[in-house]
Structure formats: C-alpha cells, structure tokens
Amino acid sequence: MRGKSNRERLGAMNPGQDLVVTGYIGEAGTARIISEKRPELLNRFSPGFLDQAEENRNMTGGNLEQWEQFGATECEPVGEGGIMAALWNLSGAYEVGIEFWLRQIPVRQKTIEICEFYDLNPYRLLSSGCVILVCDNGYHTMTRLKDAGIPAAVIGTVNRGLKREIYNGEGRGFLDRPQRDEIYKVLKII
C-alpha cells in the first residue's frame, strides 16, 4: 500500500484520537550542530546563547508502557528525519490519515535561530528525546504530562483514509515522504 511503513504496531491508533508531542523538536540536532560548529557560530551568537542552546533538555523516552499512564495508546519516538519522518512512519504503520497544525509543534527559539543560520528545516532535524503520543483525549493527556513536568502540546488528530494533511496557518498541504535529516547539510556524519 502506498505510504505504508515497515514500523511494527505496538499499541492502537484509530480515527478520532489525538496526537500529542512531548518535548521540543530539533533539540538533539541543535545541540549536535553547536557542539561541532561552535567556532563558526560564535561569529553570530554569544557564548552564553550557545551554551544554553547546546543543552539538550528533552528527557523523554519512547517506551509505550511509560506513556500509558498518561493515556497513550501508541507512541513514536522522534529521531532522525525529525517530526515529519516520525509522523509519516506512525501513520503509515496503522494505514490511517492524520492532520496536524505545524504551528502547534513545540520548537524552541534557539532551534529556530540555529536552523535559520544554516537554512535548515527544524521539522526535519534530529529530535531524539521528543515523542509523539496517540491518545483518546489529547488535552487531558497534555495536562497530565505538564503536571508531571513534561512539556507537551496537542498537534493534531488521527483521521480515516490515508491523507497526511498539514495546516500551516496559510493553508493546507500534504506531508511528503521522509527525507534525509537536515543535520547532514551541516555535519559530515558517516
């Protein structure tokens, strides 16, 4: 089937459920870029900004049992390829559609600034420690996560069909197949 993922189904993902993101996208990629490109970045950013931005604060893991206590029925760790690859893989595994709001996806200003400096897409940047949760009541799950000290945001819903729709404030588009992680545009990683 077109768009199907090789990812194994571990829980449940059904139309009508919500998509919640824990942590912030791009933090792992941002920290890695700063670590490798600090001298170059010091031409534009202060040492204090880089020190703060280099810290990867995402501490969340991708084990479903860890997230069930918050109401999750499935989870997808966000890693290489960023949140766009993770959303593609998750919806493909269950052969369901999704719709999500780009501006609801949590991203820190430091990530945006580093991505702008190198002309990178933060939504396709390494995001280890960030997790997408599927749950019946996203706002309830988000509140419980925040009460536990875990940053979270409801970003979308699961739909019938196979469409993977993105709303970006100016209109609607469709999610493309996963692409190579943006970090490779800056770093020579083997």
N, C-alpha and C. Protein backbone atom coordinates (compact mmCIF):
# COMPACT_ATOMS: atom_id res chain seq x y z
N MET A 1 0.84 -1.18 0.00
CA MET A 1 0.00 0.00 0.00
C MET A 1 0.88 1.24 0.00
N ARG A 2 0.51 2.25 -0.71
CA ARG A 2 1.26 3.49 -0.81
C ARG A 2 1.37 4.17 0.55
N GLY A 3 2.61 4.46 0.96
CA GLY A 3 2.80 5.16 2.22
C GLY A 3 2.86 4.27 3.43
N LYS A 4 2.77 2.96 3.23
CA LYS A 4 2.83 2.05 4.36
C LYS A 4 4.24 2.04 4.95
N SER A 5 4.32 1.89 6.25
CA SER A 5 5.60 1.91 6.96
C SER A 5 5.99 0.50 7.37
N ASN A 6 7.29 0.28 7.50
CA ASN A 6 7.78 -1.01 8.00
C ASN A 6 7.72 -1.08 9.52
N ARG A 7 7.31 0.00 10.15
CA ARG A 7 7.25 0.07 11.60
C ARG A 7 6.22 -0.92 12.14
N GLU A 8 6.59 -1.58 13.21
CA GLU A 8 5.71 -2.54 13.87
C GLU A 8 4.64 -1.82 14.68
N ARG A 9 3.43 -2.37 14.69
CA ARG A 9 2.35 -1.83 15.52
C ARG A 9 2.54 -2.35 16.94
N LEU A 10 2.59 -1.44 17.89
CA LEU A 10 2.80 -1.83 19.28
C LEU A 10 1.56 -1.62 20.14
N GLY A 11 0.71 -0.72 19.74
CA GLY A 11 -0.48 -0.39 20.52
C GLY A 11 -1.67 -0.22 19.61
N ALA A 12 -2.34 0.94 19.74
CA ALA A 12 -3.53 1.23 18.93
C ALA A 12 -3.49 2.67 18.45
N MET A 13 -3.95 2.87 17.22
CA MET A 13 -4.07 4.20 16.63
C MET A 13 -5.30 4.19 15.74
N ASN A 14 -6.33 4.93 16.16
CA ASN A 14 -7.61 4.89 15.47
C ASN A 14 -8.12 6.28 15.14
N PRO A 15 -8.92 6.39 14.06
CA PRO A 15 -9.52 7.69 13.74
C PRO A 15 -10.27 8.26 14.94
N GLY A 16 -10.11 9.56 15.13
CA GLY A 16 -10.75 10.24 16.25
C GLY A 16 -9.81 10.49 17.42
N GLN A 17 -8.68 9.80 17.43
CA GLN A 17 -7.71 10.02 18.51
C GLN A 17 -6.89 11.27 18.22
N ASP A 18 -6.22 11.76 19.26
CA ASP A 18 -5.40 12.96 19.16
C ASP A 18 -3.92 12.61 19.10
N LEU A 19 -3.13 13.54 18.56
CA LEU A 19 -1.68 13.43 18.51
C LEU A 19 -1.09 14.47 19.46
N VAL A 20 -0.25 14.01 20.37
CA VAL A 20 0.39 14.87 21.36
C VAL A 20 1.89 14.71 21.22
N VAL A 21 2.63 15.81 21.28
CA VAL A 21 4.09 15.76 21.23
C VAL A 21 4.63 16.12 22.60
N THR A 22 5.59 15.31 23.08
CA THR A 22 6.29 15.63 24.32
C THR A 22 7.67 16.19 23.95
N GLY A 23 8.13 17.12 24.73
CA GLY A 23 9.43 17.72 24.48
C GLY A 23 9.37 18.73 23.35
N TYR A 24 10.55 19.04 22.81
CA TYR A 24 10.69 20.06 21.76
C TYR A 24 11.44 19.46 20.58
N ILE A 25 10.96 19.71 19.38
CA ILE A 25 11.63 19.17 18.20
C ILE A 25 12.98 19.86 17.98
N GLY A 26 13.88 19.12 17.36
CA GLY A 26 15.15 19.68 16.94
C GLY A 26 16.21 19.89 17.99
N GLU A 27 15.89 19.59 19.26
CA GLU A 27 16.86 19.87 20.32
C GLU A 27 18.14 19.06 20.17
N ALA A 28 18.03 17.79 19.84
CA ALA A 28 19.22 16.95 19.70
C ALA A 28 20.08 17.43 18.52
N GLY A 29 19.44 17.78 17.42
CA GLY A 29 20.17 18.28 16.27
C GLY A 29 20.84 19.62 16.55
N THR A 30 20.12 20.49 17.24
CA THR A 30 20.68 21.80 17.60
C THR A 30 21.91 21.63 18.47
N ALA A 31 21.81 20.79 19.49
CA ALA A 31 22.95 20.56 20.39
C ALA A 31 24.14 19.98 19.63
N ARG A 32 23.87 19.07 18.73
CA ARG A 32 24.95 18.44 17.96
C ARG A 32 25.64 19.44 17.03
N ILE A 33 24.85 20.28 16.37
CA ILE A 33 25.40 21.29 15.48
C ILE A 33 26.27 22.27 16.26
N ILE A 34 25.78 22.73 17.40
CA ILE A 34 26.55 23.67 18.21
C ILE A 34 27.85 23.03 18.68
N SER A 35 27.78 21.79 19.09
CA SER A 35 28.98 21.09 19.55
C SER A 35 30.04 21.01 18.45
N GLU A 36 29.60 20.76 17.23
CA GLU A 36 30.53 20.59 16.11
C GLU A 36 30.93 21.90 15.43
N LYS A 37 30.07 22.91 15.49
CA LYS A 37 30.29 24.15 14.72
C LYS A 37 30.42 25.40 15.59
N ARG A 38 30.77 25.23 16.86
CA ARG A 38 30.84 26.35 17.80
C ARG A 38 31.68 27.51 17.27
N PRO A 39 32.91 27.29 16.80
CA PRO A 39 33.71 28.45 16.34
C PRO A 39 33.00 29.27 15.26
N GLU A 40 32.39 28.60 14.33
CA GLU A 40 31.66 29.29 13.26
C GLU A 40 30.45 30.04 13.82
N LEU A 41 29.74 29.43 14.74
CA LEU A 41 28.54 30.03 15.32
C LEU A 41 28.86 31.22 16.22
N LEU A 42 30.06 31.26 16.79
CA LEU A 42 30.45 32.39 17.64
C LEU A 42 30.55 33.69 16.85
N ASN A 43 30.61 33.61 15.54
CA ASN A 43 30.60 34.82 14.71
C ASN A 43 29.24 35.49 14.69
N ARG A 44 28.21 34.75 15.09
CA ARG A 44 26.85 35.29 15.06
C ARG A 44 26.17 35.30 16.43
N PHE A 45 26.47 34.29 17.28
CA PHE A 45 25.78 34.14 18.56
C PHE A 45 26.76 34.30 19.72
N SER A 46 26.22 34.72 20.85
CA SER A 46 27.06 34.88 22.05
C SER A 46 27.39 33.52 22.66
N PRO A 47 28.50 33.42 23.39
CA PRO A 47 28.83 32.15 24.05
C PRO A 47 27.73 31.69 25.00
N GLY A 48 27.10 32.62 25.70
CA GLY A 48 26.02 32.26 26.63
C GLY A 48 24.83 31.64 25.91
N PHE A 49 24.46 32.21 24.76
CA PHE A 49 23.35 31.66 23.97
C PHE A 49 23.69 30.24 23.52
N LEU A 50 24.92 30.06 23.03
CA LEU A 50 25.32 28.73 22.55
C LEU A 50 25.39 27.72 23.68
N ASP A 51 25.88 28.15 24.85
CA ASP A 51 25.94 27.24 26.00
C ASP A 51 24.54 26.76 26.37
N GLN A 52 23.61 27.70 26.43
CA GLN A 52 22.23 27.36 26.79
C GLN A 52 21.58 26.50 25.70
N ALA A 53 21.83 26.85 24.44
CA ALA A 53 21.21 26.13 23.34
C ALA A 53 21.79 24.73 23.15
N GLU A 54 23.04 24.54 23.58
CA GLU A 54 23.68 23.24 23.40
C GLU A 54 23.12 22.18 24.35
N GLU A 55 22.52 22.63 25.44
CA GLU A 55 21.92 21.68 26.38
C GLU A 55 20.70 21.04 25.73
N ASN A 56 20.67 19.73 25.72
CA ASN A 56 19.53 19.01 25.17
C ASN A 56 18.62 18.66 26.35
N ARG A 57 17.53 19.39 26.50
CA ARG A 57 16.67 19.23 27.67
C ARG A 57 15.63 18.13 27.53
N ASN A 58 15.44 17.61 26.34
CA ASN A 58 14.46 16.55 26.17
C ASN A 58 14.93 15.31 26.91
N MET A 59 14.13 14.84 27.82
CA MET A 59 14.49 13.68 28.62
C MET A 59 13.51 12.53 28.44
N THR A 60 12.61 12.65 27.49
CA THR A 60 11.56 11.66 27.35
C THR A 60 12.01 10.50 26.48
N GLY A 61 11.52 9.32 26.79
CA GLY A 61 11.85 8.11 26.03
C GLY A 61 10.69 7.64 25.20
N GLY A 62 10.88 6.56 24.48
CA GLY A 62 9.87 6.11 23.56
C GLY A 62 9.18 4.82 23.91
N ASN A 63 9.21 4.38 25.15
CA ASN A 63 8.62 3.13 25.56
C ASN A 63 7.12 3.32 25.81
N LEU A 64 6.27 2.56 25.12
CA LEU A 64 4.82 2.73 25.25
C LEU A 64 4.34 2.57 26.68
N GLU A 65 4.87 1.60 27.40
CA GLU A 65 4.44 1.39 28.79
C GLU A 65 4.64 2.64 29.64
N GLN A 66 5.69 3.39 29.35
CA GLN A 66 5.98 4.64 30.07
C GLN A 66 4.86 5.66 29.86
N TRP A 67 4.24 5.66 28.69
CA TRP A 67 3.26 6.68 28.34
C TRP A 67 1.81 6.26 28.58
N GLU A 68 1.58 4.98 28.78
CA GLU A 68 0.20 4.52 29.01
C GLU A 68 -0.42 5.15 30.25
N GLN A 69 0.39 5.43 31.26
CA GLN A 69 -0.14 6.06 32.48
C GLN A 69 -0.71 7.45 32.21
N PHE A 70 -0.31 8.06 31.09
CA PHE A 70 -0.83 9.38 30.73
C PHE A 70 -1.98 9.29 29.73
N GLY A 71 -2.34 8.08 29.33
CA GLY A 71 -3.45 7.88 28.42
C GLY A 71 -3.06 7.54 26.99
N ALA A 72 -1.79 7.31 26.72
CA ALA A 72 -1.34 6.99 25.37
C ALA A 72 -1.68 5.55 25.01
N THR A 73 -2.11 5.36 23.76
CA THR A 73 -2.36 4.01 23.24
C THR A 73 -1.27 3.59 22.27
N GLU A 74 -0.44 4.54 21.86
CA GLU A 74 0.69 4.28 20.97
C GLU A 74 1.66 5.45 21.08
N CYS A 75 2.92 5.21 20.74
CA CYS A 75 3.90 6.29 20.74
C CYS A 75 4.91 6.08 19.64
N GLU A 76 5.53 7.16 19.22
CA GLU A 76 6.57 7.12 18.19
C GLU A 76 7.69 8.07 18.60
N PRO A 77 8.85 7.52 18.94
CA PRO A 77 9.98 8.39 19.23
C PRO A 77 10.37 9.18 17.98
N VAL A 78 10.68 10.45 18.16
CA VAL A 78 11.11 11.29 17.05
C VAL A 78 12.62 11.27 17.06
N GLY A 79 13.20 10.89 15.96
CA GLY A 79 14.66 10.80 15.90
C GLY A 79 15.17 11.41 14.61
N GLU A 80 15.92 10.61 13.86
CA GLU A 80 16.49 11.08 12.61
C GLU A 80 15.37 11.34 11.60
N GLY A 81 15.49 12.44 10.89
CA GLY A 81 14.45 12.85 9.94
C GLY A 81 13.43 13.77 10.57
N GLY A 82 13.52 13.94 11.89
CA GLY A 82 12.65 14.88 12.59
C GLY A 82 11.21 14.42 12.73
N ILE A 83 10.39 15.36 13.13
CA ILE A 83 8.99 15.04 13.42
C ILE A 83 8.22 14.65 12.17
N MET A 84 8.63 15.17 11.02
CA MET A 84 7.93 14.83 9.78
C MET A 84 8.10 13.34 9.46
N ALA A 85 9.30 12.82 9.64
CA ALA A 85 9.54 11.38 9.40
C ALA A 85 8.77 10.54 10.41
N ALA A 86 8.75 10.98 11.66
CA ALA A 86 8.05 10.22 12.71
C ALA A 86 6.54 10.18 12.44
N LEU A 87 5.96 11.30 12.04
CA LEU A 87 4.53 11.33 11.72
C LEU A 87 4.22 10.42 10.54
N TRP A 88 5.07 10.45 9.53
CA TRP A 88 4.89 9.59 8.35
C TRP A 88 4.93 8.12 8.77
N ASN A 89 5.95 7.75 9.53
CA ASN A 89 6.11 6.34 9.93
C ASN A 89 4.96 5.86 10.81
N LEU A 90 4.54 6.68 11.73
CA LEU A 90 3.46 6.31 12.64
C LEU A 90 2.15 6.11 11.88
N SER A 91 1.77 7.07 11.05
CA SER A 91 0.50 6.94 10.31
C SER A 91 0.58 5.81 9.29
N GLY A 92 1.75 5.59 8.71
CA GLY A 92 1.92 4.51 7.75
C GLY A 92 1.80 3.15 8.37
N ALA A 93 2.28 3.00 9.59
CA ALA A 93 2.20 1.71 10.28
C ALA A 93 0.75 1.27 10.48
N TYR A 94 -0.12 2.23 10.74
CA TYR A 94 -1.53 1.92 11.00
C TYR A 94 -2.42 2.16 9.80
N GLU A 95 -1.82 2.67 8.71
CA GLU A 95 -2.56 2.94 7.48
C GLU A 95 -3.79 3.80 7.75
N VAL A 96 -3.55 4.89 8.47
CA VAL A 96 -4.59 5.87 8.76
C VAL A 96 -4.09 7.25 8.38
N GLY A 97 -5.03 8.16 8.20
CA GLY A 97 -4.68 9.53 7.90
C GLY A 97 -4.45 10.32 9.17
N ILE A 98 -3.78 11.44 9.01
CA ILE A 98 -3.58 12.37 10.12
C ILE A 98 -3.73 13.78 9.60
N GLU A 99 -4.05 14.67 10.49
CA GLU A 99 -3.97 16.09 10.21
C GLU A 99 -3.32 16.74 11.42
N PHE A 100 -2.42 17.68 11.13
CA PHE A 100 -1.74 18.35 12.23
C PHE A 100 -1.44 19.80 11.86
N TRP A 101 -1.25 20.59 12.90
CA TRP A 101 -1.04 22.01 12.76
C TRP A 101 0.43 22.31 13.03
N LEU A 102 1.13 22.74 12.00
CA LEU A 102 2.56 22.99 12.08
C LEU A 102 2.91 23.93 13.23
N ARG A 103 2.13 24.94 13.40
CA ARG A 103 2.43 25.96 14.44
C ARG A 103 2.16 25.47 15.86
N GLN A 104 1.55 24.31 15.99
CA GLN A 104 1.32 23.74 17.32
C GLN A 104 2.50 22.87 17.78
N ILE A 105 3.37 22.51 16.85
CA ILE A 105 4.50 21.65 17.18
C ILE A 105 5.50 22.44 18.01
N PRO A 106 5.84 21.96 19.20
CA PRO A 106 6.73 22.73 20.09
C PRO A 106 8.18 22.75 19.59
N VAL A 107 8.69 23.96 19.40
CA VAL A 107 10.08 24.17 18.98
C VAL A 107 10.60 25.39 19.73
N ARG A 108 11.81 25.31 20.21
CA ARG A 108 12.40 26.43 20.95
C ARG A 108 13.03 27.44 19.99
N GLN A 109 13.08 28.68 20.45
CA GLN A 109 13.66 29.76 19.65
C GLN A 109 15.11 29.47 19.28
N LYS A 110 15.86 28.85 20.18
CA LYS A 110 17.27 28.55 19.88
C LYS A 110 17.37 27.64 18.66
N THR A 111 16.49 26.67 18.54
CA THR A 111 16.50 25.77 17.39
C THR A 111 16.16 26.54 16.12
N ILE A 112 15.18 27.41 16.20
CA ILE A 112 14.81 28.21 15.04
C ILE A 112 15.98 29.07 14.57
N GLU A 113 16.68 29.70 15.50
CA GLU A 113 17.80 30.57 15.12
C GLU A 113 18.96 29.81 14.52
N ILE A 114 19.30 28.67 15.08
CA ILE A 114 20.38 27.86 14.51
C ILE A 114 19.97 27.35 13.13
N CYS A 115 18.72 26.93 12.99
CA CYS A 115 18.23 26.46 11.68
C CYS A 115 18.23 27.58 10.65
N GLU A 116 17.85 28.78 11.05
CA GLU A 116 17.88 29.91 10.12
C GLU A 116 19.30 30.21 9.68
N PHE A 117 20.26 30.12 10.59
CA PHE A 117 21.66 30.39 10.27
C PHE A 117 22.18 29.46 9.18
N TYR A 118 21.77 28.19 9.24
CA TYR A 118 22.23 27.20 8.26
C TYR A 118 21.19 26.88 7.18
N ASP A 119 20.07 27.58 7.18
CA ASP A 119 18.99 27.35 6.22
C ASP A 119 18.48 25.90 6.29
N LEU A 120 18.13 25.48 7.50
CA LEU A 120 17.63 24.13 7.76
C LEU A 120 16.15 24.17 8.12
N ASN A 121 15.46 23.07 7.89
CA ASN A 121 14.07 22.92 8.28
C ASN A 121 14.03 22.25 9.66
N PRO A 122 13.60 22.95 10.71
CA PRO A 122 13.61 22.36 12.05
C PRO A 122 12.68 21.16 12.19
N TYR A 123 11.70 21.03 11.31
CA TYR A 123 10.76 19.92 11.36
C TYR A 123 11.35 18.63 10.79
N ARG A 124 12.51 18.75 10.17
CA ARG A 124 13.20 17.58 9.60
C ARG A 124 14.58 17.41 10.25
N LEU A 125 14.73 17.94 11.47
CA LEU A 125 16.01 17.90 12.18
C LEU A 125 15.96 16.87 13.31
N LEU A 126 17.08 16.20 13.52
CA LEU A 126 17.23 15.21 14.58
C LEU A 126 16.55 15.68 15.87
N SER A 127 15.67 14.84 16.41
CA SER A 127 14.86 15.23 17.57
C SER A 127 14.79 14.15 18.63
N SER A 128 15.89 13.45 18.86
CA SER A 128 15.91 12.41 19.89
C SER A 128 15.43 12.98 21.21
N GLY A 129 14.62 12.22 21.93
CA GLY A 129 14.07 12.67 23.20
C GLY A 129 12.69 13.26 23.08
N CYS A 130 12.23 13.50 21.88
CA CYS A 130 10.89 14.01 21.62
C CYS A 130 10.04 12.80 21.20
N VAL A 131 8.78 12.75 21.63
CA VAL A 131 7.93 11.60 21.35
C VAL A 131 6.54 12.06 20.91
N ILE A 132 5.97 11.37 19.92
CA ILE A 132 4.58 11.59 19.53
C ILE A 132 3.74 10.55 20.24
N LEU A 133 2.69 10.98 20.91
CA LEU A 133 1.76 10.08 21.59
C LEU A 133 0.42 10.10 20.87
N VAL A 134 -0.22 8.96 20.81
CA VAL A 134 -1.58 8.84 20.30
C VAL A 134 -2.46 8.57 21.50
N CYS A 135 -3.54 9.34 21.65
CA CYS A 135 -4.40 9.17 22.83
C CYS A 135 -5.85 9.56 22.51
N ASP A 136 -6.75 9.10 23.36
CA ASP A 136 -8.17 9.38 23.15
C ASP A 136 -8.54 10.83 23.46
N ASN A 137 -7.92 11.41 24.47
CA ASN A 137 -8.22 12.78 24.86
C ASN A 137 -6.89 13.53 25.01
N GLY A 138 -6.47 14.16 23.93
CA GLY A 138 -5.17 14.83 23.90
C GLY A 138 -5.02 15.92 24.93
N TYR A 139 -6.07 16.68 25.18
CA TYR A 139 -5.95 17.79 26.13
C TYR A 139 -5.82 17.27 27.56
N HIS A 140 -6.49 16.18 27.86
CA HIS A 140 -6.35 15.55 29.17
C HIS A 140 -4.93 15.00 29.33
N THR A 141 -4.44 14.32 28.30
CA THR A 141 -3.08 13.78 28.33
C THR A 141 -2.06 14.90 28.47
N MET A 142 -2.23 15.96 27.69
CA MET A 142 -1.31 17.10 27.76
C MET A 142 -1.27 17.70 29.17
N THR A 143 -2.41 17.85 29.77
CA THR A 143 -2.48 18.42 31.12
C THR A 143 -1.77 17.52 32.12
N ARG A 144 -2.00 16.22 32.03
CA ARG A 144 -1.34 15.28 32.93
C ARG A 144 0.17 15.29 32.75
N LEU A 145 0.63 15.38 31.50
CA LEU A 145 2.06 15.44 31.22
C LEU A 145 2.67 16.71 31.82
N LYS A 146 2.02 17.83 31.59
CA LYS A 146 2.53 19.10 32.12
C LYS A 146 2.57 19.09 33.65
N ASP A 147 1.55 18.48 34.27
CA ASP A 147 1.54 18.35 35.74
C ASP A 147 2.71 17.51 36.23
N ALA A 148 3.20 16.60 35.39
CA ALA A 148 4.35 15.76 35.73
C ALA A 148 5.67 16.42 35.33
N GLY A 149 5.60 17.66 34.84
CA GLY A 149 6.81 18.37 34.46
C GLY A 149 7.33 18.05 33.07
N ILE A 150 6.50 17.46 32.24
CA ILE A 150 6.89 17.09 30.87
C ILE A 150 6.22 18.05 29.89
N PRO A 151 7.00 18.83 29.14
CA PRO A 151 6.38 19.72 28.15
C PRO A 151 5.62 18.92 27.11
N ALA A 152 4.43 19.38 26.75
CA ALA A 152 3.60 18.65 25.79
C ALA A 152 2.65 19.61 25.08
N ALA A 153 2.25 19.22 23.87
CA ALA A 153 1.29 20.00 23.09
C ALA A 153 0.47 19.07 22.21
N VAL A 154 -0.81 19.38 22.08
CA VAL A 154 -1.68 18.67 21.15
C VAL A 154 -1.42 19.27 19.77
N ILE A 155 -1.05 18.42 18.80
CA ILE A 155 -0.71 18.96 17.48
C ILE A 155 -1.68 18.54 16.38
N GLY A 156 -2.54 17.54 16.63
CA GLY A 156 -3.43 17.10 15.56
C GLY A 156 -4.29 15.92 15.93
N THR A 157 -4.85 15.31 14.90
CA THR A 157 -5.77 14.18 15.10
C THR A 157 -5.50 13.08 14.07
N VAL A 158 -6.03 11.91 14.40
CA VAL A 158 -5.98 10.75 13.51
C VAL A 158 -7.30 10.72 12.75
N ASN A 159 -7.23 10.48 11.43
CA ASN A 159 -8.42 10.50 10.58
C ASN A 159 -8.58 9.21 9.79
N ARG A 160 -9.75 9.02 9.25
CA ARG A 160 -9.98 7.90 8.32
C ARG A 160 -9.26 8.21 7.01
N GLY A 161 -9.02 7.21 6.24
CA GLY A 161 -8.36 7.40 4.96
C GLY A 161 -6.85 7.40 5.12
N LEU A 162 -6.15 7.89 4.11
CA LEU A 162 -4.69 7.86 4.13
C LEU A 162 -4.05 9.24 4.04
N LYS A 163 -4.83 10.30 3.96
CA LYS A 163 -4.27 11.64 3.81
C LYS A 163 -3.46 12.03 5.04
N ARG A 164 -2.32 12.61 4.79
CA ARG A 164 -1.48 13.17 5.85
C ARG A 164 -1.43 14.68 5.60
N GLU A 165 -2.33 15.40 6.26
CA GLU A 165 -2.52 16.82 5.98
C GLU A 165 -1.82 17.70 7.01
N ILE A 166 -1.22 18.77 6.49
CA ILE A 166 -0.54 19.76 7.32
C ILE A 166 -1.28 21.09 7.17
N TYR A 167 -1.60 21.71 8.29
CA TYR A 167 -2.16 23.06 8.30
C TYR A 167 -1.07 23.98 8.82
N ASN A 168 -0.75 25.02 8.04
CA ASN A 168 0.35 25.88 8.45
C ASN A 168 -0.06 27.33 8.69
N GLY A 169 -1.32 27.60 8.82
CA GLY A 169 -1.78 28.96 9.08
C GLY A 169 -2.12 29.71 7.80
N GLU A 170 -1.51 29.32 6.70
CA GLU A 170 -1.76 29.96 5.42
C GLU A 170 -2.55 29.05 4.49
N GLY A 171 -2.75 27.84 4.91
CA GLY A 171 -3.46 26.90 4.07
C GLY A 171 -3.16 25.48 4.50
N ARG A 172 -3.42 24.57 3.57
CA ARG A 172 -3.28 23.15 3.85
C ARG A 172 -2.36 22.55 2.80
N GLY A 173 -1.54 21.60 3.25
CA GLY A 173 -0.66 20.86 2.35
C GLY A 173 -0.65 19.41 2.77
N PHE A 174 0.22 18.65 2.13
CA PHE A 174 0.31 17.23 2.44
C PHE A 174 1.74 16.87 2.83
N LEU A 175 1.85 15.96 3.77
CA LEU A 175 3.15 15.51 4.26
C LEU A 175 3.85 14.70 3.18
N ASP A 176 5.10 15.04 2.93
CA ASP A 176 5.93 14.30 1.97
C ASP A 176 6.58 13.11 2.65
N ARG A 177 7.02 12.17 1.83
CA ARG A 177 7.78 11.03 2.35
C ARG A 177 8.99 11.55 3.13
N PRO A 178 9.45 10.76 4.10
CA PRO A 178 10.62 11.20 4.88
C PRO A 178 11.82 11.50 3.97
N GLN A 179 12.53 12.52 4.37
CA GLN A 179 13.73 12.93 3.66
C GLN A 179 14.93 12.79 4.58
N ARG A 180 16.11 12.93 3.99
CA ARG A 180 17.34 12.86 4.77
C ARG A 180 17.33 13.94 5.84
N ASP A 181 17.82 13.59 7.02
CA ASP A 181 17.84 14.54 8.13
C ASP A 181 18.61 15.80 7.74
N GLU A 182 18.11 16.93 8.17
CA GLU A 182 18.73 18.22 7.87
C GLU A 182 20.15 18.36 8.44
N ILE A 183 20.44 17.62 9.49
CA ILE A 183 21.75 17.74 10.12
C ILE A 183 22.88 17.41 9.14
N TYR A 184 22.60 16.56 8.16
CA TYR A 184 23.62 16.17 7.18
C TYR A 184 24.01 17.31 6.25
N LYS A 185 23.20 18.35 6.18
CA LYS A 185 23.56 19.53 5.38
C LYS A 185 24.68 20.32 6.04
N VAL A 186 24.84 20.14 7.35
CA VAL A 186 25.82 20.92 8.11
C VAL A 186 27.00 20.06 8.56
N LEU A 187 26.73 18.86 8.99
CA LEU A 187 27.77 18.00 9.56
C LEU A 187 28.12 16.86 8.63
N LYS A 188 29.35 16.48 8.64
CA LYS A 188 29.83 15.33 7.88
C LYS A 188 29.79 14.12 8.81
N ILE A 189 28.65 13.42 8.81
CA ILE A 189 28.45 12.26 9.68
C ILE A 189 28.46 11.02 8.81
N ILE A 190 29.22 10.04 9.22
CA ILE A 190 29.31 8.79 8.47
C ILE A 190 28.36 7.78 9.06
